[in-house]
N, C-alpha and C. Protein backbone atom coordinates (compact mmCIF):
# COMPACT_ATOMS: atom_id res chain seq x y z
N MET A 1 -25.10 11.31 5.43
CA MET A 1 -25.07 11.42 6.83
C MET A 1 -24.31 10.13 6.95
N ARG A 2 -23.50 10.17 7.88
CA ARG A 2 -22.44 8.41 8.41
C ARG A 2 -22.65 9.16 9.84
N SER A 3 -23.04 10.19 10.45
CA SER A 3 -22.73 9.94 11.91
C SER A 3 -23.20 8.58 12.97
N HIS A 4 -23.89 7.99 12.24
CA HIS A 4 -24.29 6.40 12.85
C HIS A 4 -22.96 5.62 12.99
N LEU A 5 -21.95 6.24 12.17
CA LEU A 5 -20.57 5.23 12.52
C LEU A 5 -19.62 6.15 13.41
N ARG A 6 -18.98 4.94 14.34
CA ARG A 6 -17.81 5.65 15.16
C ARG A 6 -16.67 6.08 14.67
N SER A 7 -16.15 7.28 14.70
CA SER A 7 -14.74 7.76 14.56
C SER A 7 -13.79 7.04 15.12
N VAL A 8 -12.63 6.47 14.27
CA VAL A 8 -11.37 5.58 15.18
C VAL A 8 -10.28 6.61 15.05
N ALA A 9 -10.14 6.72 15.99
CA ALA A 9 -8.35 6.95 16.34
C ALA A 9 -6.84 6.14 15.81
N VAL A 10 -6.88 6.68 14.66
CA VAL A 10 -5.95 5.30 13.93
C VAL A 10 -4.78 6.42 14.30
N PRO A 11 -3.45 5.17 14.70
CA PRO A 11 -2.25 5.72 15.53
C PRO A 11 -1.63 6.19 13.84
N SER A 12 -0.47 7.19 13.91
CA SER A 12 -0.37 7.52 12.89
C SER A 12 0.66 6.62 12.31
N ALA A 13 1.33 5.73 12.61
CA ALA A 13 2.15 4.63 11.93
C ALA A 13 2.13 3.57 12.55
N CYS A 14 1.66 2.51 12.27
CA CYS A 14 1.55 0.87 12.83
C CYS A 14 2.79 0.01 11.77
N ARG A 15 3.76 -0.46 12.56
CA ARG A 15 4.71 -1.15 11.85
C ARG A 15 4.55 -2.75 12.02
N ALA A 16 4.40 -3.06 10.33
CA ALA A 16 4.60 -3.96 9.85
C ALA A 16 5.79 -4.92 9.25
N GLY A 17 6.66 -5.67 10.51
CA GLY A 17 7.83 -6.18 9.50
C GLY A 17 8.40 -5.10 9.77
N GLU A 18 9.15 -4.85 8.51
CA GLU A 18 10.25 -3.49 7.60
C GLU A 18 9.61 -2.39 7.67
N ALA A 19 7.77 -2.67 6.92
CA ALA A 19 7.27 -1.52 6.51
C ALA A 19 6.42 -0.63 7.38
N VAL A 20 5.97 0.47 7.19
CA VAL A 20 5.04 1.48 7.78
C VAL A 20 3.59 1.53 7.23
N ILE A 21 2.67 1.09 8.03
CA ILE A 21 1.37 1.41 7.61
C ILE A 21 0.68 2.33 8.08
N ARG A 22 0.40 3.35 7.64
CA ARG A 22 0.11 4.50 8.23
C ARG A 22 -1.04 5.00 7.39
N PRO A 23 -1.86 6.19 8.06
CA PRO A 23 -2.85 6.48 7.18
C PRO A 23 -2.64 7.14 6.05
N ALA A 24 -3.44 7.05 4.91
CA ALA A 24 -3.05 8.08 4.09
C ALA A 24 -3.67 9.44 3.66
N SER A 25 -2.83 10.26 3.02
CA SER A 25 -3.35 11.85 3.15
C SER A 25 -3.44 12.24 1.79
N PRO A 26 -4.30 13.27 1.58
CA PRO A 26 -3.99 14.03 -0.08
C PRO A 26 -2.91 13.86 -0.67
N ALA A 27 -2.00 14.07 0.23
CA ALA A 27 -0.27 14.24 -0.42
C ALA A 27 0.25 12.98 -0.82
N ASP A 28 -0.33 12.00 -0.46
CA ASP A 28 0.28 10.54 -1.05
C ASP A 28 -0.26 10.68 -2.72
N ALA A 29 -1.20 11.53 -2.89
CA ALA A 29 -1.94 11.10 -4.21
C ALA A 29 -1.04 10.71 -5.11
N ASP A 30 0.33 11.48 -5.44
CA ASP A 30 1.22 11.18 -6.40
C ASP A 30 1.85 9.75 -6.30
N ALA A 31 1.95 9.04 -5.19
CA ALA A 31 2.48 8.06 -5.14
C ALA A 31 1.51 6.94 -5.35
N ILE A 32 0.06 7.48 -4.85
CA ILE A 32 -0.91 6.29 -5.47
C ILE A 32 -1.34 6.23 -6.74
N VAL A 33 -1.15 7.27 -7.65
CA VAL A 33 -1.47 7.23 -8.87
C VAL A 33 -0.44 6.59 -9.72
N ARG A 34 0.66 6.48 -9.08
CA ARG A 34 1.94 5.68 -9.74
C ARG A 34 2.07 4.34 -9.50
N ILE A 35 1.19 3.95 -8.24
CA ILE A 35 0.68 2.11 -8.03
C ILE A 35 -0.56 2.17 -9.48
N TYR A 36 -1.64 3.00 -8.98
CA TYR A 36 -2.83 2.68 -10.03
C TYR A 36 -3.03 2.75 -11.12
N ASN A 37 -2.54 4.13 -11.61
CA ASN A 37 -2.33 3.85 -13.42
C ASN A 37 -1.77 3.04 -13.98
N PRO A 38 -0.89 1.93 -13.68
CA PRO A 38 -0.29 0.77 -14.31
C PRO A 38 -1.59 -0.04 -14.31
N TYR A 39 -2.10 -0.13 -13.52
CA TYR A 39 -3.41 -1.32 -13.61
C TYR A 39 -4.67 -0.40 -14.19
N VAL A 40 -4.27 0.72 -14.35
CA VAL A 40 -5.63 1.31 -15.46
C VAL A 40 -5.26 1.03 -16.61
N LEU A 41 -3.95 1.86 -17.15
CA LEU A 41 -3.47 1.47 -18.42
C LEU A 41 -3.16 -0.10 -19.10
N GLU A 42 -3.00 -0.67 -18.12
CA GLU A 42 -2.34 -2.60 -18.88
C GLU A 42 -3.21 -3.14 -18.59
N THR A 43 -4.15 -3.23 -17.38
CA THR A 43 -5.11 -4.53 -17.19
C THR A 43 -6.59 -4.08 -17.06
N THR A 44 -7.14 -5.36 -16.67
CA THR A 44 -8.94 -4.82 -16.82
C THR A 44 -9.09 -4.82 -15.08
N ILE A 45 -8.61 -5.11 -14.28
CA ILE A 45 -7.95 -5.08 -12.73
C ILE A 45 -9.33 -3.75 -12.76
N SER A 46 -9.06 -2.45 -13.33
CA SER A 46 -9.68 -0.95 -12.97
C SER A 46 -10.30 -1.12 -14.44
N PHE A 47 -11.69 -0.30 -14.07
CA PHE A 47 -12.33 -0.23 -15.12
C PHE A 47 -12.26 1.17 -16.04
N GLU A 48 -11.40 2.20 -15.13
CA GLU A 48 -11.26 3.24 -15.81
C GLU A 48 -10.32 2.84 -16.96
N THR A 49 -10.44 4.06 -17.94
CA THR A 49 -9.54 3.40 -19.41
C THR A 49 -8.68 4.78 -19.88
N GLY A 50 -8.55 5.68 -18.52
CA GLY A 50 -7.56 6.47 -18.86
C GLY A 50 -6.89 6.57 -17.48
N PRO A 51 -5.48 7.37 -17.42
CA PRO A 51 -5.18 7.49 -16.15
C PRO A 51 -5.67 8.89 -15.31
N VAL A 52 -5.49 8.35 -14.28
CA VAL A 52 -6.07 9.40 -13.00
C VAL A 52 -5.00 10.46 -12.90
N PRO A 53 -5.47 11.56 -12.92
CA PRO A 53 -4.45 12.79 -12.44
C PRO A 53 -4.13 12.81 -10.91
N ALA A 54 -2.87 13.10 -10.45
CA ALA A 54 -2.75 13.06 -9.21
C ALA A 54 -3.81 13.63 -8.53
N GLY A 55 -4.17 15.29 -8.89
CA GLY A 55 -5.42 16.28 -8.30
C GLY A 55 -6.73 15.57 -8.18
N VAL A 56 -6.60 14.92 -8.66
CA VAL A 56 -8.17 14.17 -9.17
C VAL A 56 -8.50 13.05 -7.71
N MET A 57 -6.64 11.90 -7.79
CA MET A 57 -6.67 11.34 -6.79
C MET A 57 -6.68 11.76 -5.17
N ALA A 58 -6.08 13.03 -5.21
CA ALA A 58 -6.37 13.89 -3.64
C ALA A 58 -7.68 14.05 -3.63
N GLU A 59 -8.37 14.47 -4.65
CA GLU A 59 -9.81 14.60 -4.53
C GLU A 59 -10.40 13.07 -4.06
N ARG A 60 -10.23 12.49 -4.39
CA ARG A 60 -10.82 10.92 -3.56
C ARG A 60 -10.20 10.39 -2.59
N LEU A 61 -9.23 10.88 -2.25
CA LEU A 61 -8.49 10.72 -0.75
C LEU A 61 -9.65 11.57 -0.06
N ARG A 62 -9.64 13.06 0.01
CA ARG A 62 -10.27 13.66 0.61
C ARG A 62 -11.74 13.04 0.94
N ARG A 63 -12.70 12.85 0.04
CA ARG A 63 -13.71 12.32 0.08
C ARG A 63 -14.03 11.12 0.72
N THR A 64 -13.21 10.34 0.56
CA THR A 64 -13.09 9.00 1.53
C THR A 64 -12.74 8.95 2.57
N LEU A 65 -12.01 10.04 3.21
CA LEU A 65 -10.98 10.24 4.51
C LEU A 65 -12.44 10.89 5.14
N GLU A 66 -13.50 11.25 4.79
CA GLU A 66 -14.49 11.94 5.30
C GLU A 66 -14.95 11.03 6.06
N GLY A 67 -15.13 9.48 6.27
CA GLY A 67 -15.83 8.76 6.54
C GLY A 67 -15.31 7.36 7.06
N HIS A 68 -13.94 6.86 5.92
CA HIS A 68 -13.87 5.72 6.03
C HIS A 68 -12.22 5.96 6.17
N PRO A 69 -11.13 5.00 6.16
CA PRO A 69 -9.82 5.15 5.92
C PRO A 69 -9.33 4.46 4.98
N TRP A 70 -8.08 5.12 4.61
CA TRP A 70 -7.69 4.69 3.66
C TRP A 70 -5.77 4.65 4.12
N LEU A 71 -5.33 3.78 3.94
CA LEU A 71 -3.89 3.12 4.59
C LEU A 71 -2.95 2.71 3.41
N VAL A 72 -1.96 3.61 3.79
CA VAL A 72 -0.67 3.13 2.71
C VAL A 72 0.36 2.21 3.77
N LEU A 73 1.10 1.23 2.82
CA LEU A 73 2.41 0.94 3.07
C LEU A 73 3.57 1.34 2.60
N GLU A 74 4.12 1.91 3.27
CA GLU A 74 5.48 2.65 3.29
C GLU A 74 6.73 1.92 3.55
N GLU A 75 7.94 1.76 2.82
CA GLU A 75 9.00 1.28 3.05
C GLU A 75 10.03 2.25 2.30
N ASP A 76 10.66 2.60 3.48
CA ASP A 76 12.15 3.19 2.90
C ASP A 76 11.51 4.31 2.15
N GLY A 77 10.55 5.07 2.86
CA GLY A 77 10.07 6.45 2.40
C GLY A 77 9.32 6.05 0.91
N ALA A 78 8.86 4.65 0.05
CA ALA A 78 8.09 4.72 -0.84
C ALA A 78 7.04 3.89 -0.79
N VAL A 79 6.11 4.39 -0.98
CA VAL A 79 4.58 3.86 -1.13
C VAL A 79 4.59 2.56 -1.94
N LEU A 80 4.39 1.46 -1.35
CA LEU A 80 4.35 0.08 -2.25
C LEU A 80 3.07 -0.31 -2.51
N GLY A 81 2.23 0.11 -1.61
CA GLY A 81 0.62 -0.44 -1.50
C GLY A 81 -0.42 0.41 -0.88
N TYR A 82 -1.46 0.44 -1.11
CA TYR A 82 -2.85 1.20 -0.31
C TYR A 82 -3.73 0.33 -0.46
N ALA A 83 -4.85 0.70 0.87
CA ALA A 83 -5.92 -0.31 1.01
C ALA A 83 -6.87 0.88 1.40
N TYR A 84 -8.30 0.75 1.10
CA TYR A 84 -9.51 1.90 1.68
C TYR A 84 -10.62 1.22 1.72
N GLY A 85 -11.38 1.59 2.46
CA GLY A 85 -12.58 1.56 2.65
C GLY A 85 -13.55 2.52 1.78
N SER A 86 -14.58 2.35 1.19
CA SER A 86 -15.60 3.63 0.84
C SER A 86 -16.76 3.08 0.21
N ARG A 87 -17.82 3.90 0.55
CA ARG A 87 -19.50 3.70 0.20
C ARG A 87 -19.19 2.40 -0.65
N PHE A 88 -20.52 1.67 -0.30
CA PHE A 88 -20.97 0.86 -1.53
C PHE A 88 -21.88 1.50 -2.10
N LYS A 89 -22.79 2.26 -1.52
CA LYS A 89 -23.76 3.00 -2.81
C LYS A 89 -24.23 3.95 -1.81
N GLU A 90 -25.01 4.63 -2.31
CA GLU A 90 -25.46 6.28 -1.57
C GLU A 90 -26.94 6.16 -0.49
N ARG A 91 -27.46 5.23 -0.88
CA ARG A 91 -28.80 5.34 -0.12
C ARG A 91 -28.50 4.86 1.21
N GLU A 92 -29.30 5.87 2.20
CA GLU A 92 -28.52 5.68 3.31
C GLU A 92 -29.15 4.26 4.02
N ALA A 93 -29.79 3.24 3.72
CA ALA A 93 -29.91 1.97 3.91
C ALA A 93 -28.35 0.98 3.71
N TYR A 94 -27.80 1.52 2.98
CA TYR A 94 -26.36 0.86 2.93
C TYR A 94 -25.24 1.65 3.53
N ARG A 95 -25.64 2.45 4.66
CA ARG A 95 -24.76 2.68 5.36
C ARG A 95 -23.66 1.94 6.22
N PHE A 96 -24.24 0.82 6.58
CA PHE A 96 -23.12 -0.42 7.21
C PHE A 96 -22.59 -1.03 6.34
N ALA A 97 -22.37 -0.92 5.06
CA ALA A 97 -21.47 -1.69 4.12
C ALA A 97 -20.75 -0.96 3.80
N VAL A 98 -19.52 -1.53 3.14
CA VAL A 98 -18.18 -1.26 3.19
C VAL A 98 -17.80 -1.52 1.99
N GLU A 99 -17.39 -0.90 0.61
CA GLU A 99 -16.53 -1.60 -0.29
C GLU A 99 -14.97 -1.45 -0.01
N THR A 100 -14.37 -2.72 -0.27
CA THR A 100 -12.91 -2.78 0.57
C THR A 100 -12.02 -2.79 -1.01
N THR A 101 -10.94 -2.13 -1.19
CA THR A 101 -10.04 -1.81 -2.08
C THR A 101 -8.94 -2.22 -1.95
N VAL A 102 -7.78 -2.71 -2.73
CA VAL A 102 -6.51 -2.56 -1.97
C VAL A 102 -5.77 -2.94 -3.66
N TYR A 103 -4.50 -2.30 -3.76
CA TYR A 103 -3.93 -2.35 -4.77
C TYR A 103 -2.27 -2.24 -3.90
N VAL A 104 -1.07 -3.24 -5.37
CA VAL A 104 0.22 -3.25 -4.87
C VAL A 104 0.78 -3.01 -5.67
N ALA A 105 2.00 -1.84 -5.64
CA ALA A 105 2.85 -1.44 -6.52
C ALA A 105 3.48 -2.81 -7.45
N GLN A 106 3.36 -2.52 -8.74
CA GLN A 106 3.85 -3.80 -9.68
C GLN A 106 5.15 -3.72 -9.17
N GLY A 107 5.60 -5.38 -9.23
CA GLY A 107 6.98 -5.65 -8.68
C GLY A 107 7.02 -5.75 -7.62
N HIS A 108 5.81 -5.67 -6.90
CA HIS A 108 5.78 -5.94 -5.31
C HIS A 108 4.62 -6.72 -4.88
N ALA A 109 4.04 -7.44 -5.71
CA ALA A 109 3.27 -8.77 -5.91
C ALA A 109 3.50 -9.87 -4.93
N ARG A 110 2.50 -10.37 -4.16
CA ARG A 110 3.13 -11.84 -3.49
C ARG A 110 4.29 -11.87 -2.47
N GLN A 111 4.06 -10.20 -1.75
CA GLN A 111 4.53 -9.97 -0.88
C GLN A 111 4.45 -10.16 0.35
N GLY A 112 2.99 -10.21 0.79
CA GLY A 112 2.58 -10.18 1.52
C GLY A 112 2.10 -8.59 1.82
N ILE A 113 2.11 -7.51 1.20
CA ILE A 113 1.64 -6.24 1.24
C ILE A 113 0.19 -5.98 1.01
N GLY A 114 -0.24 -6.60 0.47
CA GLY A 114 -1.94 -6.72 0.58
C GLY A 114 -2.73 -7.62 1.56
N THR A 115 -1.87 -8.08 2.23
CA THR A 115 -2.09 -9.29 3.19
C THR A 115 -2.06 -8.30 4.33
N ARG A 116 -1.07 -7.44 4.59
CA ARG A 116 -0.80 -6.42 5.84
C ARG A 116 -1.73 -5.57 5.60
N LEU A 117 -2.14 -4.79 4.82
CA LEU A 117 -2.94 -3.72 4.63
C LEU A 117 -4.26 -4.23 5.09
N TYR A 118 -4.57 -5.05 4.24
CA TYR A 118 -6.23 -5.95 5.59
C TYR A 118 -5.73 -6.21 6.53
N GLN A 119 -4.76 -6.63 7.13
CA GLN A 119 -5.13 -6.89 8.71
C GLN A 119 -4.55 -5.98 9.38
N ALA A 120 -4.64 -4.51 8.80
CA ALA A 120 -4.90 -3.39 9.15
C ALA A 120 -6.17 -2.64 8.91
N LEU A 121 -6.45 -2.60 7.68
CA LEU A 121 -7.79 -1.75 7.24
C LEU A 121 -9.16 -2.83 8.24
N LEU A 122 -9.22 -4.06 8.20
CA LEU A 122 -10.86 -4.90 8.31
C LEU A 122 -10.87 -4.45 10.01
N PRO A 123 -9.94 -4.50 10.90
CA PRO A 123 -10.30 -4.51 11.98
C PRO A 123 -10.53 -2.88 12.61
N ASP A 124 -10.00 -1.75 11.57
CA ASP A 124 -10.42 -0.38 11.30
C ASP A 124 -11.67 -0.15 10.70
N LEU A 125 -12.39 -1.29 10.39
CA LEU A 125 -13.84 -0.88 9.62
C LEU A 125 -14.43 -1.64 10.70
N ARG A 126 -14.23 -2.58 11.48
CA ARG A 126 -15.00 -2.98 12.20
C ARG A 126 -15.12 -2.22 13.41
N ALA A 127 -14.11 -1.30 14.01
CA ALA A 127 -14.33 -0.63 15.08
C ALA A 127 -15.12 0.40 14.65
N ARG A 128 -15.18 1.17 13.41
CA ARG A 128 -16.24 2.00 12.85
C ARG A 128 -17.76 1.92 12.60
N GLY A 129 -17.84 0.49 13.17
CA GLY A 129 -19.25 0.14 13.39
C GLY A 129 -19.68 -0.27 12.04
N PHE A 130 -18.87 -0.69 10.91
CA PHE A 130 -19.15 -1.20 9.46
C PHE A 130 -19.64 -2.78 10.05
N HIS A 131 -20.77 -3.08 9.03
CA HIS A 131 -21.49 -4.84 9.45
C HIS A 131 -20.96 -5.82 8.03
N THR A 132 -20.41 -4.99 6.95
CA THR A 132 -20.52 -6.03 6.04
C THR A 132 -19.53 -5.47 4.79
N ALA A 133 -18.48 -5.81 4.53
CA ALA A 133 -17.40 -5.68 3.70
C ALA A 133 -17.44 -6.46 2.15
N LEU A 134 -17.35 -5.83 1.11
CA LEU A 134 -17.58 -6.14 -0.02
C LEU A 134 -16.42 -5.90 -0.90
N ALA A 135 -15.89 -6.40 -1.70
CA ALA A 135 -15.02 -6.44 -2.36
C ALA A 135 -15.38 -6.51 -3.83
N VAL A 136 -15.25 -5.72 -4.90
CA VAL A 136 -15.74 -5.99 -6.35
C VAL A 136 -14.64 -6.36 -7.23
N ILE A 137 -14.69 -7.26 -7.89
CA ILE A 137 -13.70 -7.66 -8.58
C ILE A 137 -13.58 -8.19 -10.02
N ALA A 138 -12.87 -7.62 -10.68
CA ALA A 138 -12.85 -8.00 -12.04
C ALA A 138 -12.08 -9.16 -12.49
N LEU A 139 -12.80 -10.25 -13.35
CA LEU A 139 -12.30 -11.63 -13.59
C LEU A 139 -12.03 -11.60 -14.78
N PRO A 140 -10.99 -12.42 -15.00
CA PRO A 140 -10.22 -13.23 -13.85
C PRO A 140 -9.25 -12.51 -13.36
N ASN A 141 -8.96 -12.57 -11.75
CA ASN A 141 -7.87 -12.03 -11.04
C ASN A 141 -7.49 -13.23 -9.77
N ASP A 142 -7.07 -14.33 -9.97
CA ASP A 142 -6.92 -15.44 -9.11
C ASP A 142 -5.94 -14.53 -7.81
N ALA A 143 -5.04 -13.53 -7.98
CA ALA A 143 -4.56 -13.06 -6.63
C ALA A 143 -5.45 -12.46 -6.13
N SER A 144 -6.33 -11.53 -6.62
CA SER A 144 -7.10 -10.76 -5.53
C SER A 144 -8.55 -11.89 -5.05
N VAL A 145 -8.92 -12.71 -5.62
CA VAL A 145 -9.60 -14.00 -5.32
C VAL A 145 -9.04 -14.29 -3.98
N SER A 146 -7.92 -14.76 -4.29
CA SER A 146 -6.98 -15.56 -3.18
C SER A 146 -6.77 -14.86 -1.63
N LEU A 147 -6.31 -13.72 -2.02
CA LEU A 147 -6.30 -12.83 -0.90
C LEU A 147 -7.66 -12.43 -0.23
N HIS A 148 -8.56 -12.19 -0.98
CA HIS A 148 -9.93 -12.02 0.07
C HIS A 148 -10.53 -13.09 0.69
N GLU A 149 -10.58 -14.40 -0.06
CA GLU A 149 -10.86 -15.16 0.36
C GLU A 149 -9.94 -15.76 1.88
N ARG A 150 -8.89 -15.45 1.47
CA ARG A 150 -7.69 -15.78 2.75
C ARG A 150 -8.40 -15.10 4.29
N PHE A 151 -9.30 -13.90 3.89
CA PHE A 151 -9.51 -12.85 4.88
C PHE A 151 -11.09 -13.49 5.13
N GLY A 152 -11.58 -14.55 4.80
CA GLY A 152 -12.94 -14.66 5.12
C GLY A 152 -14.42 -14.21 3.77
N TYR A 153 -13.56 -13.51 2.89
CA TYR A 153 -14.81 -13.22 2.13
C TYR A 153 -15.44 -14.30 1.34
N ARG A 154 -16.61 -14.35 1.26
CA ARG A 154 -17.15 -15.42 0.40
C ARG A 154 -17.64 -14.76 -1.24
N LYS A 155 -17.47 -15.66 -2.00
CA LYS A 155 -18.21 -14.65 -3.38
C LYS A 155 -19.96 -14.87 -2.94
N VAL A 156 -20.33 -13.52 -3.54
CA VAL A 156 -22.32 -13.93 -3.36
C VAL A 156 -22.48 -13.43 -4.59
N ALA A 157 -21.70 -13.24 -5.87
CA ALA A 157 -22.62 -12.45 -6.70
C ALA A 157 -21.54 -12.65 -8.12
N HIS A 158 -22.20 -13.08 -9.24
CA HIS A 158 -21.15 -12.85 -10.40
C HIS A 158 -22.02 -12.42 -11.48
N PHE A 159 -21.33 -11.06 -12.13
CA PHE A 159 -22.37 -10.33 -13.36
C PHE A 159 -21.31 -10.70 -14.53
N PRO A 160 -21.91 -11.37 -15.22
CA PRO A 160 -21.33 -11.58 -16.69
C PRO A 160 -21.40 -10.48 -17.69
N GLU A 161 -20.24 -10.14 -18.18
CA GLU A 161 -19.81 -9.02 -19.25
C GLU A 161 -20.50 -7.68 -18.88
N VAL A 162 -20.34 -7.49 -17.50
CA VAL A 162 -20.31 -6.08 -17.06
C VAL A 162 -19.55 -4.57 -17.54
N GLY A 163 -18.34 -5.39 -18.04
CA GLY A 163 -17.45 -4.23 -18.21
C GLY A 163 -16.99 -4.55 -20.09
N TRP A 164 -16.39 -3.58 -20.45
CA TRP A 164 -15.85 -3.43 -21.86
C TRP A 164 -14.54 -2.78 -21.91
N LYS A 165 -13.75 -3.24 -21.83
CA LYS A 165 -11.97 -2.64 -21.95
C LYS A 165 -11.45 -3.57 -22.50
N PHE A 166 -10.41 -2.64 -23.53
CA PHE A 166 -9.45 -3.40 -23.98
C PHE A 166 -10.08 -4.35 -25.57
N SER A 167 -11.49 -4.10 -25.84
CA SER A 167 -12.05 -4.51 -26.82
C SER A 167 -12.65 -6.03 -26.32
N ARG A 168 -12.97 -6.26 -25.02
CA ARG A 168 -13.52 -7.27 -24.84
C ARG A 168 -14.45 -7.27 -23.57
N TRP A 169 -15.44 -8.10 -23.31
CA TRP A 169 -16.27 -8.00 -21.94
C TRP A 169 -15.31 -8.61 -20.91
N ILE A 170 -15.58 -7.93 -19.59
CA ILE A 170 -15.40 -8.35 -18.26
C ILE A 170 -16.31 -8.45 -17.43
N ASP A 171 -16.02 -9.98 -16.76
CA ASP A 171 -16.99 -10.21 -15.80
C ASP A 171 -16.57 -9.75 -14.48
N VAL A 172 -17.66 -9.20 -13.44
CA VAL A 172 -17.08 -8.94 -12.10
C VAL A 172 -17.91 -10.10 -11.22
N GLY A 173 -17.26 -10.27 -10.23
CA GLY A 173 -17.78 -10.61 -9.01
C GLY A 173 -17.60 -9.73 -7.70
N THR A 174 -18.51 -10.36 -6.62
CA THR A 174 -18.56 -9.39 -5.96
C THR A 174 -18.38 -10.59 -4.34
N TRP A 175 -17.53 -10.04 -3.56
CA TRP A 175 -17.11 -10.92 -2.49
C TRP A 175 -17.53 -10.44 -1.10
N ALA A 176 -18.02 -11.01 -0.22
CA ALA A 176 -18.79 -10.34 1.01
C ALA A 176 -17.84 -10.99 2.54
N LEU A 177 -17.75 -10.49 3.21
CA LEU A 177 -17.43 -10.92 4.43
C LEU A 177 -18.05 -9.85 5.65
N ARG A 178 -18.89 -10.46 6.54
CA ARG A 178 -19.39 -10.13 7.85
C ARG A 178 -18.26 -9.60 8.51
N LEU A 179 -18.15 -8.21 9.46
CA LEU A 179 -17.27 -7.69 9.84
C LEU A 179 -17.57 -8.01 11.34
């Protein structure tokens, strides 16, 4: 039950330089898995171990959009990145906490895409009434840590060896931002 959070009217598109940041829809699932699946298959950034089919991603989008924003950055018709907020935990007392996630297409890192997405996402989360944003980051991931800390997130937890992928243990850190 998320009725305590405000619904926010998101414009159909916001200009960000030459790119457009807009709300995602399940129709974006193909583009999103093209960005996400290389992280799944080639890195420890995601703890999934197999590719996510577009149909599964479309359902994730539908569920997320029931109470949280999901944005894509599109340039020349191509989705180059996405960011969203999702439930942090199921228990009702967590209802004002939100987990934030951002992914950028390979070959487009360090071009400001993640920054522009968070510049749109974080005000949206504030307007919806969320109080704390949490980023859960597989470590090491200097680029993600740098992005989050640039927005004021601060490390609040470190969980050693909680993930197992590619025959090795992976640490996870949690960063928090008071919205």
